[in-house]
N, C-alpha and C. Protein backbone atom coordinates (compact mmCIF):
# COMPACT_ATOMS: atom_id res chain seq x y z
N MET A 1 129.01 119.65 64.18
CA MET A 1 128.72 120.68 65.02
C MET A 1 127.13 120.89 65.05
N GLU A 2 126.46 120.95 63.94
CA GLU A 2 125.04 121.12 63.77
C GLU A 2 124.32 119.94 64.35
N ARG A 3 124.92 118.73 64.10
CA ARG A 3 124.21 117.53 64.66
C ARG A 3 124.21 117.51 66.27
N ARG A 4 125.21 118.07 66.85
CA ARG A 4 125.46 118.25 68.23
C ARG A 4 124.54 119.14 68.83
N LYS A 5 124.14 120.27 68.18
CA LYS A 5 123.17 121.22 68.59
C LYS A 5 121.84 120.60 68.66
N ILE A 6 121.42 119.88 67.52
CA ILE A 6 120.27 119.20 67.42
C ILE A 6 120.07 118.27 68.42
N LEU A 7 121.08 117.41 68.83
CA LEU A 7 120.89 116.41 69.88
C LEU A 7 120.73 117.15 71.23
N ILE A 8 121.35 118.24 71.57
CA ILE A 8 121.29 119.02 72.85
C ILE A 8 119.80 119.45 72.91
N ILE A 9 119.23 120.10 71.85
CA ILE A 9 117.94 120.53 71.75
C ILE A 9 116.92 119.39 71.92
N VAL A 10 117.11 118.30 71.42
CA VAL A 10 116.12 117.06 71.42
C VAL A 10 116.25 116.53 72.90
N ALA A 11 117.52 116.58 73.46
CA ALA A 11 117.54 116.14 74.87
C ALA A 11 116.92 116.94 75.80
N ALA A 12 117.06 118.20 75.68
CA ALA A 12 116.40 119.30 76.49
C ALA A 12 114.85 119.33 76.35
N LEU A 13 114.41 119.11 75.13
CA LEU A 13 112.93 119.00 74.87
C LEU A 13 112.29 117.64 75.57
N THR A 14 113.04 116.70 75.38
CA THR A 14 112.61 115.36 76.03
C THR A 14 112.55 115.34 77.53
N SER A 15 113.62 116.10 78.01
CA SER A 15 113.63 116.26 79.62
C SER A 15 112.42 117.17 79.99
N LEU A 16 112.10 118.23 79.37
CA LEU A 16 111.01 118.98 79.63
C LEU A 16 109.77 118.38 79.55
N LEU A 17 109.57 117.59 78.44
CA LEU A 17 108.29 116.89 78.40
C LEU A 17 108.21 115.78 79.33
N ALA A 18 109.17 115.08 79.68
CA ALA A 18 109.14 114.10 80.92
C ALA A 18 108.79 114.77 82.14
N SER A 19 109.46 115.82 82.51
CA SER A 19 109.16 116.53 83.76
C SER A 19 107.78 116.93 83.76
N SER A 20 107.19 117.40 82.69
CA SER A 20 105.79 117.81 82.59
C SER A 20 104.87 116.70 82.87
N ALA A 21 105.18 115.57 82.15
CA ALA A 21 104.35 114.26 82.35
C ALA A 21 104.42 113.86 83.81
N TYR A 22 105.58 113.94 84.40
CA TYR A 22 105.75 113.56 85.80
C TYR A 22 104.84 114.49 86.76
N ALA A 23 104.92 115.81 86.46
CA ALA A 23 104.13 116.85 87.22
C ALA A 23 102.69 116.40 87.14
N ARG A 24 102.13 116.04 85.90
CA ARG A 24 100.62 115.63 85.70
C ARG A 24 100.43 114.45 86.59
N ASP A 25 101.38 113.48 86.32
CA ASP A 25 101.11 112.16 87.20
C ASP A 25 101.13 112.42 88.73
N LYS A 26 102.04 113.20 89.17
CA LYS A 26 102.06 113.60 90.49
C LYS A 26 100.67 114.33 91.07
N ALA A 27 100.26 115.27 90.17
CA ALA A 27 99.20 115.97 90.66
C ALA A 27 97.93 114.99 90.53
N ALA A 28 97.87 114.02 89.64
CA ALA A 28 96.81 113.04 89.56
C ALA A 28 96.93 112.18 90.82
N HIS A 29 98.16 111.75 91.22
CA HIS A 29 98.15 110.80 92.23
C HIS A 29 97.81 111.64 93.62
N GLN A 30 98.29 112.94 93.68
CA GLN A 30 97.95 113.70 95.06
C GLN A 30 96.37 113.77 94.93
N ALA A 31 95.72 114.04 93.95
CA ALA A 31 94.26 114.28 93.91
C ALA A 31 93.67 112.82 94.33
N GLU A 32 94.18 111.83 93.87
CA GLU A 32 93.59 110.49 94.30
C GLU A 32 93.72 110.20 95.72
N VAL A 33 94.83 110.50 96.24
CA VAL A 33 95.07 110.37 97.63
C VAL A 33 94.22 111.19 98.47
N LYS A 34 94.26 112.39 98.18
CA LYS A 34 93.26 113.42 98.84
C LYS A 34 91.79 113.16 98.77
N ALA A 35 91.32 112.54 97.67
CA ALA A 35 89.90 112.17 97.46
C ALA A 35 89.67 110.96 98.52
N LYS A 36 90.54 110.02 98.54
CA LYS A 36 90.36 108.89 99.42
C LYS A 36 90.44 109.23 100.91
N ALA A 37 91.26 110.24 101.25
CA ALA A 37 91.44 110.84 102.65
C ALA A 37 90.23 111.38 102.99
N MET A 38 89.64 112.27 102.01
CA MET A 38 88.46 113.02 102.42
C MET A 38 87.22 112.14 102.45
N GLN A 39 87.18 111.01 101.78
CA GLN A 39 86.14 110.02 101.84
C GLN A 39 86.25 109.26 103.19
N ALA A 40 87.47 109.00 103.65
CA ALA A 40 87.74 108.34 104.80
C ALA A 40 87.26 109.21 106.07
N LEU A 41 87.60 110.44 105.89
CA LEU A 41 87.06 111.41 106.89
C LEU A 41 85.61 111.51 106.98
N GLN A 42 84.87 111.52 105.95
CA GLN A 42 83.46 111.30 105.83
C GLN A 42 82.95 110.12 106.50
N ASP A 43 83.61 109.01 106.24
CA ASP A 43 83.21 107.69 106.84
C ASP A 43 83.35 107.80 108.41
N PHE A 44 84.30 108.46 108.81
CA PHE A 44 84.48 108.56 110.41
C PHE A 44 83.27 109.47 110.85
N TYR A 45 83.02 110.61 110.24
CA TYR A 45 81.97 111.48 110.70
C TYR A 45 80.59 110.77 110.62
N GLN A 46 80.35 110.04 109.66
CA GLN A 46 79.16 109.09 109.48
C GLN A 46 79.02 108.13 110.70
N ALA A 47 80.14 107.43 110.91
CA ALA A 47 80.15 106.40 112.00
C ALA A 47 80.02 107.00 113.40
N ASP A 48 80.56 108.20 113.72
CA ASP A 48 80.52 108.86 115.00
C ASP A 48 80.57 110.38 114.70
N PRO A 49 79.30 110.99 114.75
CA PRO A 49 79.38 112.45 114.44
C PRO A 49 80.18 113.38 115.32
N ALA A 50 80.51 112.96 116.59
CA ALA A 50 81.27 113.76 117.46
C ALA A 50 82.73 113.90 117.00
N ILE A 51 83.12 112.98 116.04
CA ILE A 51 84.45 113.13 115.61
C ILE A 51 84.66 114.39 114.79
N LYS A 52 83.63 114.77 114.09
CA LYS A 52 83.66 115.99 113.23
C LYS A 52 84.00 117.21 114.16
N ASP A 53 83.36 117.31 115.23
CA ASP A 53 83.65 118.41 116.17
C ASP A 53 85.10 118.35 116.56
N ALA A 54 85.52 117.30 117.00
CA ALA A 54 86.99 117.17 117.43
C ALA A 54 87.90 117.54 116.36
N VAL A 55 87.72 117.14 115.15
CA VAL A 55 88.61 117.54 114.08
C VAL A 55 88.50 118.94 113.70
N ASN A 56 87.29 119.58 113.85
CA ASN A 56 87.28 121.08 113.52
C ASN A 56 87.82 121.87 114.63
N LYS A 57 87.91 121.45 115.79
CA LYS A 57 88.63 122.16 116.87
C LYS A 57 90.18 121.92 116.99
N ALA A 58 90.54 120.92 116.33
CA ALA A 58 91.95 120.48 116.49
C ALA A 58 92.94 121.25 115.54
N PRO A 59 94.10 121.55 115.99
CA PRO A 59 95.15 122.24 115.23
C PRO A 59 95.54 121.50 113.96
N GLY A 60 95.17 120.24 113.92
CA GLY A 60 95.48 119.41 112.70
C GLY A 60 94.99 118.02 112.89
N TYR A 61 95.10 117.19 111.73
CA TYR A 61 94.67 115.86 111.83
C TYR A 61 95.54 115.08 110.56
N ALA A 62 95.44 113.73 110.75
CA ALA A 62 96.06 112.98 109.68
C ALA A 62 94.94 111.94 109.39
N VAL A 63 94.73 111.44 108.13
CA VAL A 63 93.83 110.40 107.91
C VAL A 63 94.44 109.55 106.76
N PHE A 64 94.45 108.27 106.96
CA PHE A 64 95.04 107.26 106.07
C PHE A 64 93.95 106.18 105.79
N THR A 65 93.90 105.60 104.53
CA THR A 65 93.30 104.32 104.18
C THR A 65 94.33 103.26 103.93
N THR A 66 94.12 102.10 104.51
CA THR A 66 95.16 100.93 104.37
C THR A 66 94.37 99.75 103.84
N TYR A 67 95.09 98.94 103.19
CA TYR A 67 94.64 97.66 102.74
C TYR A 67 95.55 96.62 103.16
N GLY A 68 95.13 95.42 103.83
CA GLY A 68 95.98 94.48 104.25
C GLY A 68 95.50 93.01 104.27
N LEU A 69 96.51 92.21 104.37
CA LEU A 69 96.26 90.64 104.47
C LEU A 69 97.10 90.18 105.56
N SER A 70 96.58 89.09 106.16
CA SER A 70 97.41 88.44 107.10
C SER A 70 96.93 86.87 107.21
N PHE A 71 97.98 86.17 107.47
CA PHE A 71 97.78 84.63 107.62
C PHE A 71 98.95 84.30 108.40
N GLY A 72 99.06 84.43 109.61
CA GLY A 72 100.27 84.22 110.49
C GLY A 72 101.22 85.48 110.34
N LEU A 73 101.67 85.74 109.32
CA LEU A 73 102.47 87.01 109.03
C LEU A 73 101.47 87.95 108.37
N GLY A 74 101.49 89.21 108.63
CA GLY A 74 100.53 90.20 108.10
C GLY A 74 101.19 91.33 107.67
N GLY A 75 100.63 92.03 106.78
CA GLY A 75 101.12 93.36 106.35
C GLY A 75 99.99 94.20 105.75
N ALA A 76 100.16 95.47 105.88
CA ALA A 76 99.19 96.53 105.31
C ALA A 76 99.95 97.68 104.90
N GLY A 77 99.36 98.47 103.97
CA GLY A 77 99.96 99.69 103.53
C GLY A 77 98.95 100.57 102.98
N GLY A 78 99.28 101.84 102.95
CA GLY A 78 98.45 102.91 102.34
C GLY A 78 98.96 104.27 102.36
N LYS A 79 98.17 105.13 101.90
CA LYS A 79 98.53 106.52 101.79
C LYS A 79 97.41 107.36 102.43
N GLY A 80 97.89 108.62 102.78
CA GLY A 80 96.97 109.51 103.48
C GLY A 80 97.73 110.83 103.45
N LEU A 81 97.13 111.81 104.24
CA LEU A 81 97.58 113.12 104.37
C LEU A 81 97.55 113.60 105.77
N ALA A 82 98.41 114.49 106.22
CA ALA A 82 98.32 115.17 107.35
C ALA A 82 97.91 116.61 107.01
N HIS A 83 96.80 117.23 107.67
CA HIS A 83 96.29 118.57 107.45
C HIS A 83 96.65 119.41 108.64
N ASP A 84 97.24 120.60 108.35
CA ASP A 84 97.53 121.60 109.25
C ASP A 84 96.44 122.67 109.12
N SER A 85 95.48 122.74 110.12
CA SER A 85 94.29 123.62 110.13
C SER A 85 94.68 124.99 109.98
N LYS A 86 95.74 125.46 110.60
CA LYS A 86 96.02 126.91 110.56
C LYS A 86 96.55 127.35 109.27
N SER A 87 97.59 126.58 108.72
CA SER A 87 98.11 127.02 107.39
C SER A 87 97.19 126.45 106.22
N LYS A 88 96.31 125.52 106.49
CA LYS A 88 95.49 124.78 105.44
C LYS A 88 96.41 123.98 104.46
N LYS A 89 97.60 123.58 104.87
CA LYS A 89 98.53 122.89 104.09
C LYS A 89 98.34 121.26 104.34
N ASP A 90 98.37 120.55 103.29
CA ASP A 90 98.25 119.22 103.27
C ASP A 90 99.73 118.58 103.03
N THR A 91 100.11 117.60 103.88
CA THR A 91 101.29 116.93 103.60
C THR A 91 100.95 115.49 103.37
N TYR A 92 101.40 114.96 102.15
CA TYR A 92 101.09 113.64 101.72
C TYR A 92 102.04 112.65 102.41
N MET A 93 101.46 111.57 103.02
CA MET A 93 102.16 110.66 103.83
C MET A 93 101.81 109.20 103.45
N SER A 94 102.81 108.25 103.98
CA SER A 94 102.48 106.87 103.73
C SER A 94 102.43 106.07 105.08
N ILE A 95 101.89 104.93 105.11
CA ILE A 95 101.71 104.21 106.36
C ILE A 95 102.04 102.64 105.90
N ALA A 96 102.78 102.00 106.79
CA ALA A 96 102.93 100.61 106.46
C ALA A 96 102.84 99.90 107.96
N GLN A 97 102.38 98.73 107.98
CA GLN A 97 102.23 97.88 109.05
C GLN A 97 102.66 96.31 108.97
N ALA A 98 103.18 95.80 109.91
CA ALA A 98 103.62 94.42 109.78
C ALA A 98 103.35 93.85 111.05
N SER A 99 102.99 92.47 111.10
CA SER A 99 102.74 91.81 112.25
C SER A 99 102.95 90.26 112.05
N ALA A 100 103.12 89.62 113.15
CA ALA A 100 103.40 88.07 113.23
C ALA A 100 102.66 87.55 114.41
N GLY A 101 101.91 86.48 114.16
CA GLY A 101 101.18 85.81 115.32
C GLY A 101 100.10 85.08 114.95
N LEU A 102 99.25 84.68 115.79
CA LEU A 102 98.09 83.87 115.41
C LEU A 102 97.09 84.78 114.93
N GLN A 103 96.93 85.01 113.49
CA GLN A 103 96.04 86.06 113.03
C GLN A 103 95.67 85.51 111.63
N VAL A 104 94.56 86.01 111.17
CA VAL A 104 93.97 85.71 109.85
C VAL A 104 92.97 86.84 109.33
N GLY A 105 93.09 87.11 108.18
CA GLY A 105 92.19 88.11 107.65
C GLY A 105 92.61 89.11 106.49
N ALA A 106 91.73 89.89 106.16
CA ALA A 106 91.93 90.82 105.10
C ALA A 106 91.06 92.04 105.35
N SER A 107 91.49 93.31 105.26
CA SER A 107 90.65 94.44 105.68
C SER A 107 91.11 95.68 104.92
N ASP A 108 90.06 96.53 104.83
CA ASP A 108 90.26 97.85 104.34
C ASP A 108 89.92 98.71 105.63
N THR A 109 91.10 99.36 106.10
CA THR A 109 90.94 100.11 107.28
C THR A 109 91.41 101.47 107.19
N ARG A 110 90.63 102.32 107.95
CA ARG A 110 91.07 103.86 107.88
C ARG A 110 91.56 104.13 109.29
N TYR A 111 92.57 105.09 109.35
CA TYR A 111 93.12 105.60 110.55
C TYR A 111 92.90 107.21 110.59
N LEU A 112 92.55 107.63 111.74
CA LEU A 112 92.31 109.20 111.87
C LEU A 112 93.08 109.48 113.13
N PHE A 113 94.07 110.41 113.08
CA PHE A 113 94.83 111.05 114.28
C PHE A 113 94.55 112.42 114.32
N VAL A 114 93.83 112.89 115.44
CA VAL A 114 93.44 114.22 115.87
C VAL A 114 94.44 114.71 116.81
N PHE A 115 95.16 115.81 116.43
CA PHE A 115 96.24 116.24 117.18
C PHE A 115 95.80 117.36 118.19
N ASN A 116 96.35 117.24 119.44
CA ASN A 116 95.86 118.29 120.64
C ASN A 116 96.73 119.61 120.32
N ASP A 117 97.91 119.55 119.69
CA ASP A 117 98.65 120.80 119.62
C ASP A 117 99.49 120.68 118.25
N ALA A 118 99.97 121.93 118.02
CA ALA A 118 100.70 122.04 116.68
C ALA A 118 102.07 121.23 116.70
N LYS A 119 102.79 121.23 117.84
CA LYS A 119 103.94 120.61 117.91
C LYS A 119 103.74 119.06 117.67
N SER A 120 102.77 118.46 118.19
CA SER A 120 102.50 117.05 118.00
C SER A 120 102.28 116.76 116.41
N LEU A 121 101.50 117.65 115.87
CA LEU A 121 101.23 117.53 114.37
C LEU A 121 102.48 117.70 113.67
N ALA A 122 103.34 118.73 113.94
CA ALA A 122 104.71 119.01 113.31
C ALA A 122 105.62 117.84 113.43
N ASP A 123 105.64 117.28 114.69
CA ASP A 123 106.55 116.16 114.92
C ASP A 123 106.02 114.91 114.10
N PHE A 124 104.79 114.69 114.05
CA PHE A 124 104.25 113.61 113.33
C PHE A 124 104.63 113.63 111.80
N ILE A 125 104.49 114.83 111.22
CA ILE A 125 104.86 115.14 109.92
C ILE A 125 106.31 115.09 109.60
N ASN A 126 107.05 115.63 110.54
CA ASN A 126 108.51 115.75 110.12
C ASN A 126 109.39 114.59 110.71
N LYS A 127 109.01 113.88 111.69
CA LYS A 127 109.72 112.90 112.24
C LYS A 127 109.05 111.55 112.02
N GLY A 128 107.89 111.48 111.59
CA GLY A 128 107.17 110.23 111.35
C GLY A 128 106.70 109.68 112.63
N TRP A 129 106.15 108.42 112.50
CA TRP A 129 105.55 107.98 113.77
C TRP A 129 105.75 106.37 113.76
N ASP A 130 106.08 105.85 114.84
CA ASP A 130 106.20 104.38 115.08
C ASP A 130 105.25 103.96 116.29
N ALA A 131 104.73 102.77 116.00
CA ALA A 131 103.79 102.30 117.22
C ALA A 131 103.93 100.89 117.30
N SER A 132 103.76 100.32 118.43
CA SER A 132 103.65 98.85 118.65
C SER A 132 102.28 98.58 118.81
N VAL A 133 101.78 97.30 118.39
CA VAL A 133 100.38 96.96 118.48
C VAL A 133 100.38 95.60 119.24
N GLY A 134 99.24 95.27 119.78
CA GLY A 134 99.15 93.85 120.46
C GLY A 134 97.97 93.15 119.69
N ALA A 135 97.06 92.63 120.47
CA ALA A 135 95.94 91.86 119.97
C ALA A 135 94.86 92.81 119.54
N GLY A 136 94.13 92.48 118.47
CA GLY A 136 93.16 93.26 117.92
C GLY A 136 92.18 92.44 116.95
N ALA A 137 90.99 93.12 116.86
CA ALA A 137 90.08 92.42 115.90
C ALA A 137 89.24 93.57 115.38
N GLY A 138 88.67 93.42 114.23
CA GLY A 138 87.75 94.46 113.53
C GLY A 138 86.98 93.89 112.54
N ALA A 139 85.84 94.41 112.36
CA ALA A 139 84.95 93.82 111.25
C ALA A 139 84.24 95.06 110.62
N GLY A 140 83.86 94.90 109.36
CA GLY A 140 83.11 95.95 108.87
C GLY A 140 82.47 95.36 107.56
N THR A 141 81.32 95.97 107.26
CA THR A 141 80.46 95.43 106.05
C THR A 141 80.51 96.53 104.98
N GLY A 142 81.10 97.66 105.29
CA GLY A 142 81.00 98.62 104.18
C GLY A 142 79.93 99.55 104.31
N LYS A 143 79.05 99.33 105.23
CA LYS A 143 77.92 100.10 105.52
C LYS A 143 78.11 100.93 106.81
N GLU A 144 76.95 101.59 107.14
CA GLU A 144 77.00 102.51 108.15
C GLU A 144 77.47 101.89 109.62
N GLU A 145 77.19 100.56 109.69
CA GLU A 145 77.57 100.03 110.96
C GLU A 145 79.13 99.61 111.21
N ALA A 146 79.93 100.08 110.30
CA ALA A 146 81.29 99.93 110.41
C ALA A 146 81.82 100.30 111.78
N ASN A 147 82.81 99.50 112.27
CA ASN A 147 83.33 99.58 113.55
C ASN A 147 84.31 100.79 113.76
N VAL A 148 83.98 101.63 114.66
CA VAL A 148 85.05 102.72 114.95
C VAL A 148 85.34 102.63 116.46
N LYS A 149 86.66 102.75 116.67
CA LYS A 149 87.18 102.69 118.14
C LYS A 149 88.05 103.92 118.41
N ALA A 150 87.65 104.63 119.45
CA ALA A 150 88.45 105.75 119.78
C ALA A 150 89.71 105.38 120.77
N GLY A 151 90.59 105.97 120.51
CA GLY A 151 91.92 105.60 121.40
C GLY A 151 92.35 104.30 121.21
N ALA A 152 92.26 103.63 119.98
CA ALA A 152 92.59 102.28 119.82
C ALA A 152 94.16 102.29 119.61
N ILE A 153 94.76 103.41 119.19
CA ILE A 153 96.19 103.50 118.93
C ILE A 153 96.58 104.62 119.98
N ALA A 154 97.31 104.21 120.98
CA ALA A 154 97.78 105.25 121.92
C ALA A 154 98.93 105.99 121.36
N PHE A 155 98.96 107.31 121.44
CA PHE A 155 100.07 108.11 121.07
C PHE A 155 99.99 109.48 121.75
N THR A 156 101.04 110.03 122.03
CA THR A 156 101.32 111.20 122.73
C THR A 156 100.79 112.37 121.69
N GLY A 157 100.01 113.24 122.24
CA GLY A 157 99.67 114.43 121.51
C GLY A 157 98.24 114.50 120.84
N GLY A 158 97.56 113.45 121.02
CA GLY A 158 96.24 113.49 120.38
C GLY A 158 95.53 112.15 120.45
N THR A 159 94.38 112.03 119.69
CA THR A 159 93.45 110.87 119.97
C THR A 159 93.54 110.20 118.49
N ALA A 160 93.57 108.92 118.42
CA ALA A 160 93.55 108.07 117.37
C ALA A 160 92.28 107.26 117.31
N TYR A 161 91.72 107.27 116.03
CA TYR A 161 90.49 106.51 115.73
C TYR A 161 90.75 105.49 114.65
N VAL A 162 90.11 104.26 114.71
CA VAL A 162 90.30 103.26 113.64
C VAL A 162 88.88 102.87 113.16
N LEU A 163 88.77 102.77 111.93
CA LEU A 163 87.55 102.27 111.38
C LEU A 163 87.78 101.22 110.26
N THR A 164 87.26 100.05 110.62
CA THR A 164 87.42 98.87 109.71
C THR A 164 86.16 98.97 108.84
N LYS A 165 86.47 99.32 107.63
CA LYS A 165 85.43 99.65 106.55
C LYS A 165 84.80 98.35 105.97
N THR A 166 85.75 97.47 105.64
CA THR A 166 85.26 96.15 105.00
C THR A 166 86.44 95.13 105.39
N GLY A 167 85.85 93.86 105.56
CA GLY A 167 86.71 92.74 105.91
C GLY A 167 86.80 92.25 107.27
N LEU A 168 87.58 91.51 107.63
CA LEU A 168 87.52 90.92 108.95
C LEU A 168 88.97 90.68 109.18
N GLN A 169 89.48 91.06 110.43
CA GLN A 169 90.92 90.88 110.89
C GLN A 169 90.71 90.41 112.36
N ALA A 170 91.29 89.26 112.60
CA ALA A 170 91.05 88.72 113.97
C ALA A 170 92.39 87.97 114.44
N GLY A 171 92.72 87.97 115.74
CA GLY A 171 93.81 87.33 116.13
C GLY A 171 94.61 87.91 117.16
N VAL A 172 95.86 87.45 117.51
CA VAL A 172 96.77 87.91 118.43
C VAL A 172 98.06 88.01 117.79
N ALA A 173 98.72 89.14 117.77
CA ALA A 173 99.93 89.27 116.95
C ALA A 173 100.78 90.49 117.66
N LEU A 174 102.10 90.33 117.32
CA LEU A 174 103.03 91.41 117.69
C LEU A 174 103.27 92.16 116.46
N GLY A 175 103.39 93.41 116.43
CA GLY A 175 103.70 94.10 115.10
C GLY A 175 103.79 95.58 115.40
N GLY A 176 103.80 96.26 114.37
CA GLY A 176 103.98 97.79 114.61
C GLY A 176 103.57 98.51 113.27
N SER A 177 103.45 99.81 113.38
CA SER A 177 103.14 100.67 112.38
C SER A 177 104.21 101.81 112.23
N LYS A 178 104.27 102.17 111.02
CA LYS A 178 105.19 103.20 110.59
C LYS A 178 104.58 104.33 109.76
N VAL A 179 104.78 105.55 110.03
CA VAL A 179 104.15 106.63 109.18
C VAL A 179 105.24 107.54 108.81
N TRP A 180 105.31 108.02 107.54
CA TRP A 180 106.40 108.94 107.01
C TRP A 180 105.88 109.69 105.96
N LYS A 181 106.54 110.85 105.68
CA LYS A 181 106.26 111.74 104.67
C LYS A 181 106.69 111.01 103.31
N ASP A 182 105.66 111.25 102.37
CA ASP A 182 105.78 110.44 101.01
C ASP A 182 106.68 111.52 100.19
N LYS A 183 107.90 111.30 99.95
CA LYS A 183 108.73 112.11 99.17
C LYS A 183 108.17 112.26 97.78
N ASP A 184 107.65 111.31 97.11
CA ASP A 184 107.23 111.35 95.75
C ASP A 184 105.96 112.33 95.57
N LEU A 185 105.25 112.52 96.54
CA LEU A 185 104.01 113.34 96.48
C LEU A 185 104.08 114.76 97.10
N ASN A 186 105.22 115.00 97.86
CA ASN A 186 105.32 116.31 98.42
C ASN A 186 106.16 117.18 97.63
């Protein structure tokens, strides 16, 4: 009987320590994603100062950093956050992209979605987002002359901006993007 009590106490302590470690890892991962998102936002502001005014006036925005490779088939993925300007709440999100076609490249790309209304922001956060893409090209050197395109991704409810920070991506491809709430970070 005594041995059983000790095992129960050890199991409970192990569970408590594991959940505490998970909470620290989660907080560290959230901090890393937020730092990258805020840096991406600053990169957009530096490339086009008018974007800062649009973000400040908007009910919310979402910003992502992605890394991708393509050679015929392509894929990219990354993390980011959606920010509700009214509640000041951040929702951590993931983004994935896939494509196939005549394409080649590698890139470090940022995406910024500036929402026109609270409903569009809420739909983006709660329902995710899907988009089809066609032909595209982008280049960046990692310096101030990085490429910013307004409206490069059409979506209902706001304006999207794309910044190719480093790398080169060129070609013609069919593909799509998917954005969803990151269950592990929220």
